[in-house]
Amino acid sequence: MDKTVIAQAPDGLIISDMVDVFATYFEARADKASNALNGIGCSSFHKA
């Protein structure tokens, strides 16, 4: 990870990326809890 690139990124970009990470995390948890299928009809989580 290049800290210089991150330090020079616009604040709005950093904030929007952080919000996207949280949204993806909660969406993945909800999908897993409901055994939902992804966009191509497959389970997003492998069962070992």
C-alpha atoms as a PDB file:
ATOM      1  CA  MET A   1       0.000   0.000   0.000  1.00  0.00           C
ATOM      2  CA  ASP A   2       1.470   3.336  -1.057  1.00  0.00           C
ATOM      3  CA  LYS A   3       0.936   5.753   1.829  1.00  0.00           C
ATOM      4  CA  THR A   4       1.909   8.723  -0.351  1.00  0.00           C
ATOM      5  CA  VAL A   5      -0.927   8.035  -2.798  1.00  0.00           C
ATOM      6  CA  ILE A   6      -3.399   7.629   0.045  1.00  0.00           C
ATOM      7  CA  ALA A   7      -2.195  10.823   1.748  1.00  0.00           C
ATOM      8  CA  GLN A   8      -2.642  12.808  -1.481  1.00  0.00           C
ATOM      9  CA  ALA A   9      -6.126  11.458  -2.276  1.00  0.00           C
ATOM     10  CA  PRO A  10      -9.009  13.917  -1.979  1.00  0.00           C
ATOM     11  CA  ASP A  11     -10.917  13.689   1.303  1.00  0.00           C
ATOM     12  CA  GLY A  12     -14.201  12.948  -0.456  1.00  0.00           C
ATOM     13  CA  LEU A  13     -12.681   9.939  -2.200  1.00  0.00           C
ATOM     14  CA  ILE A  14     -11.305   8.493   1.029  1.00  0.00           C
ATOM     15  CA  ILE A  15     -14.635   8.975   2.814  1.00  0.00           C
ATOM     16  CA  SER A  16     -16.670   7.440  -0.021  1.00  0.00           C
ATOM     17  CA  ASP A  17     -14.333   4.429  -0.106  1.00  0.00           C
ATOM     18  CA  MET A  18     -14.692   3.951   3.650  1.00  0.00           C
ATOM     19  CA  VAL A  19     -18.487   4.133   3.389  1.00  0.00           C
ATOM     20  CA  ASP A  20     -18.400   1.571   0.565  1.00  0.00           C
ATOM     21  CA  VAL A  21     -16.336  -0.806   2.719  1.00  0.00           C
ATOM     22  CA  PHE A  22     -18.891  -0.632   5.525  1.00  0.00           C
ATOM     23  CA  ALA A  23     -21.810  -1.073   3.127  1.00  0.00           C
ATOM     24  CA  THR A  24     -20.164  -4.103   1.518  1.00  0.00           C
ATOM     25  CA  TYR A  25     -19.435  -5.623   4.919  1.00  0.00           C
ATOM     26  CA  PHE A  26     -23.023  -5.322   6.144  1.00  0.00           C
ATOM     27  CA  GLU A  27     -24.423  -6.462   2.797  1.00  0.00           C
ATOM     28  CA  ALA A  28     -22.211  -9.565   2.871  1.00  0.00           C
ATOM     29  CA  ARG A  29     -23.296 -10.358   6.435  1.00  0.00           C
ATOM     30  CA  ALA A  30     -26.962 -10.032   5.472  1.00  0.00           C
ATOM     31  CA  ASP A  31     -26.457 -12.228   2.396  1.00  0.00           C
ATOM     32  CA  LYS A  32     -24.705 -14.885   4.442  1.00  0.00           C
ATOM     33  CA  ALA A  33     -27.389 -14.838   7.135  1.00  0.00           C
ATOM     34  CA  SER A  34     -30.172 -15.276   4.578  1.00  0.00           C
ATOM     35  CA  ASN A  35     -28.294 -17.781   2.371  1.00  0.00           C
ATOM     36  CA  ALA A  36     -28.933 -15.406  -0.532  1.00  0.00           C
ATOM     37  CA  LEU A  37     -27.659 -16.061  -4.030  1.00  0.00           C
ATOM     38  CA  ASN A  38     -25.347 -13.650  -5.809  1.00  0.00           C
ATOM     39  CA  GLY A  39     -26.024 -11.956  -9.155  1.00  0.00           C
ATOM     40  CA  ILE A  40     -25.324 -15.103 -11.189  1.00  0.00           C
ATOM     41  CA  GLY A  41     -27.377 -17.400  -8.984  1.00  0.00           C
ATOM     42  CA  CYS A  42     -24.596 -18.897  -6.901  1.00  0.00           C
ATOM     43  CA  SER A  43     -23.972 -18.813  -3.180  1.00  0.00           C
ATOM     44  CA  SER A  44     -21.418 -16.150  -2.300  1.00  0.00           C
ATOM     45  CA  PHE A  45     -20.089 -18.227   0.565  1.00  0.00           C
ATOM     46  CA  HIS A  46     -18.411 -21.593   0.412  1.00  0.00           C
ATOM     47  CA  LYS A  47     -19.321 -24.165   3.013  1.00  0.00           C
ATOM     48  CA  ALA A  48     -16.346 -26.159   4.182  1.00  0.00           C
END
